[in-house]
């Protein structure tokens, strides 16, 4: 999963438009894994990347510096804003 870490350490993509998703299942990664996001139910996540392995990359809304990976099964994409 080399590409996984390219996202986490790569250049900022904060100017791009993202899909937003709501967390429906909490995700608490092991304390030693800084590449994953800690998610709580009802958090809003800006999804930047969706990997074929089922892991998605992004950041929590309002926390653009805290990028990381999380299981796509923990979130549901929100409808696009009009």
C-alpha atoms as a PDB file:
ATOM      1  CA  UNK A   1       0.000   0.000   0.000  1.00  0.00           C
ATOM      2  CA  UNK A   2       2.681   2.527  -0.979  1.00  0.00           C
ATOM      3  CA  UNK A   3       0.110   4.915  -2.432  1.00  0.00           C
ATOM      4  CA  UNK A   4      -1.599   5.058   0.946  1.00  0.00           C
ATOM      5  CA  UNK A   5       1.250   6.979   2.475  1.00  0.00           C
ATOM      6  CA  UNK A   6       1.622   9.274  -0.527  1.00  0.00           C
ATOM      7  CA  UNK A   7      -1.760  10.751   0.402  1.00  0.00           C
ATOM      8  CA  UNK A   8      -0.967  11.167   4.085  1.00  0.00           C
ATOM      9  CA  UNK A   9       2.448  12.733   3.501  1.00  0.00           C
ATOM     10  CA  UNK A  10       1.742  14.322   0.121  1.00  0.00           C
ATOM     11  CA  UNK A  11       0.934  17.883  -0.761  1.00  0.00           C
ATOM     12  CA  UNK A  12      -2.240  19.523   0.485  1.00  0.00           C
ATOM     13  CA  UNK A  13      -5.382  19.145  -1.614  1.00  0.00           C
ATOM     14  CA  UNK A  14      -7.521  21.482   0.492  1.00  0.00           C
ATOM     15  CA  UNK A  15      -8.491  23.627  -2.517  1.00  0.00           C
ATOM     16  CA  UNK A  16     -10.195  20.708  -4.252  1.00  0.00           C
ATOM     17  CA  UNK A  17     -13.880  19.851  -3.965  1.00  0.00           C
ATOM     18  CA  UNK A  18     -14.558  16.716  -1.905  1.00  0.00           C
ATOM     19  CA  UNK A  19     -17.424  14.385  -1.314  1.00  0.00           C
ATOM     20  CA  UNK A  20     -18.653  14.675   2.250  1.00  0.00           C
ATOM     21  CA  UNK A  21     -19.605  11.642   4.298  1.00  0.00           C
ATOM     22  CA  UNK A  22     -21.111  11.099   7.722  1.00  0.00           C
ATOM     23  CA  UNK A  23     -19.630   8.581  10.108  1.00  0.00           C
ATOM     24  CA  UNK A  24     -22.123   5.800  10.929  1.00  0.00           C
ATOM     25  CA  UNK A  25     -19.723   3.511  12.807  1.00  0.00           C
ATOM     26  CA  UNK A  26     -16.891   4.666  15.084  1.00  0.00           C
ATOM     27  CA  UNK A  27     -13.320   3.815  14.089  1.00  0.00           C
ATOM     28  CA  UNK A  28     -10.656   3.800  16.813  1.00  0.00           C
ATOM     29  CA  UNK A  29      -7.285   2.865  15.310  1.00  0.00           C
ATOM     30  CA  UNK A  30      -4.454   1.533  17.462  1.00  0.00           C
ATOM     31  CA  UNK A  31      -2.632   4.381  19.199  1.00  0.00           C
ATOM     32  CA  UNK A  32       0.576   3.640  17.337  1.00  0.00           C
ATOM     33  CA  UNK A  33      -0.986   4.012  13.846  1.00  0.00           C
ATOM     34  CA  UNK A  34      -0.876   7.696  12.978  1.00  0.00           C
ATOM     35  CA  UNK A  35      -1.886   7.045   9.347  1.00  0.00           C
ATOM     36  CA  UNK A  36      -5.532   6.381  10.355  1.00  0.00           C
ATOM     37  CA  UNK A  37      -8.225   8.837  11.442  1.00  0.00           C
ATOM     38  CA  UNK A  38     -10.104   8.385  14.698  1.00  0.00           C
ATOM     39  CA  UNK A  39     -13.798   8.714  13.869  1.00  0.00           C
ATOM     40  CA  UNK A  40     -16.854   9.120  16.067  1.00  0.00           C
ATOM     41  CA  UNK A  41     -20.460   8.592  14.972  1.00  0.00           C
ATOM     42  CA  UNK A  42     -21.890  11.769  13.363  1.00  0.00           C
ATOM     43  CA  UNK A  43     -18.453  13.212  12.467  1.00  0.00           C
ATOM     44  CA  UNK A  44     -18.386  14.683   8.960  1.00  0.00           C
ATOM     45  CA  UNK A  45     -15.491  13.549   6.780  1.00  0.00           C
ATOM     46  CA  UNK A  46     -14.225  15.091   3.537  1.00  0.00           C
ATOM     47  CA  UNK A  47     -13.358  12.119   1.330  1.00  0.00           C
ATOM     48  CA  UNK A  48     -10.303  12.693  -0.890  1.00  0.00           C
ATOM     49  CA  UNK A  49      -9.554   9.172  -2.052  1.00  0.00           C
ATOM     50  CA  UNK A  50     -11.272   5.774  -2.192  1.00  0.00           C
ATOM     51  CA  UNK A  51      -8.849   2.863  -2.449  1.00  0.00           C
ATOM     52  CA  UNK A  52      -9.905  -0.482  -3.966  1.00  0.00           C
ATOM     53  CA  UNK A  53      -8.970  -2.183  -0.675  1.00  0.00           C
ATOM     54  CA  UNK A  54     -11.941  -0.506   1.052  1.00  0.00           C
ATOM     55  CA  UNK A  55      -9.826   2.110   2.848  1.00  0.00           C
ATOM     56  CA  UNK A  56     -10.706   5.724   2.164  1.00  0.00           C
ATOM     57  CA  UNK A  57      -8.519   8.781   2.666  1.00  0.00           C
ATOM     58  CA  UNK A  58      -9.609  12.178   3.860  1.00  0.00           C
ATOM     59  CA  UNK A  59      -9.923  14.507   6.807  1.00  0.00           C
ATOM     60  CA  UNK A  60     -12.580  15.473   9.311  1.00  0.00           C
ATOM     61  CA  UNK A  61     -14.487  18.626   8.430  1.00  0.00           C
ATOM     62  CA  UNK A  62     -12.816  21.591  10.105  1.00  0.00           C
ATOM     63  CA  UNK A  63      -9.561  19.651  10.619  1.00  0.00           C
ATOM     64  CA  UNK A  64      -7.756  20.021   7.281  1.00  0.00           C
ATOM     65  CA  UNK A  65      -4.370  19.219   8.795  1.00  0.00           C
ATOM     66  CA  UNK A  66      -5.487  15.871  10.238  1.00  0.00           C
ATOM     67  CA  UNK A  67      -5.422  13.671   7.134  1.00  0.00           C
ATOM     68  CA  UNK A  68      -5.631   9.904   7.348  1.00  0.00           C
ATOM     69  CA  UNK A  69      -7.190   6.623   6.317  1.00  0.00           C
ATOM     70  CA  UNK A  70     -10.388   4.971   7.555  1.00  0.00           C
ATOM     71  CA  UNK A  71     -12.577   2.031   6.504  1.00  0.00           C
ATOM     72  CA  UNK A  72     -15.096   3.122   3.876  1.00  0.00           C
ATOM     73  CA  UNK A  73     -17.652   0.908   5.608  1.00  0.00           C
ATOM     74  CA  UNK A  74     -17.683   3.351   8.549  1.00  0.00           C
ATOM     75  CA  UNK A  75     -19.160   6.221   6.527  1.00  0.00           C
ATOM     76  CA  UNK A  76     -22.041   7.051   4.178  1.00  0.00           C
ATOM     77  CA  UNK A  77     -21.665   9.652   1.419  1.00  0.00           C
ATOM     78  CA  UNK A  78     -23.935  12.644   1.934  1.00  0.00           C
ATOM     79  CA  UNK A  79     -26.066  13.977  -0.934  1.00  0.00           C
ATOM     80  CA  UNK A  80     -24.378  16.795  -2.874  1.00  0.00           C
ATOM     81  CA  UNK A  81     -25.349  20.303  -1.809  1.00  0.00           C
ATOM     82  CA  UNK A  82     -27.478  22.190  -4.308  1.00  0.00           C
END
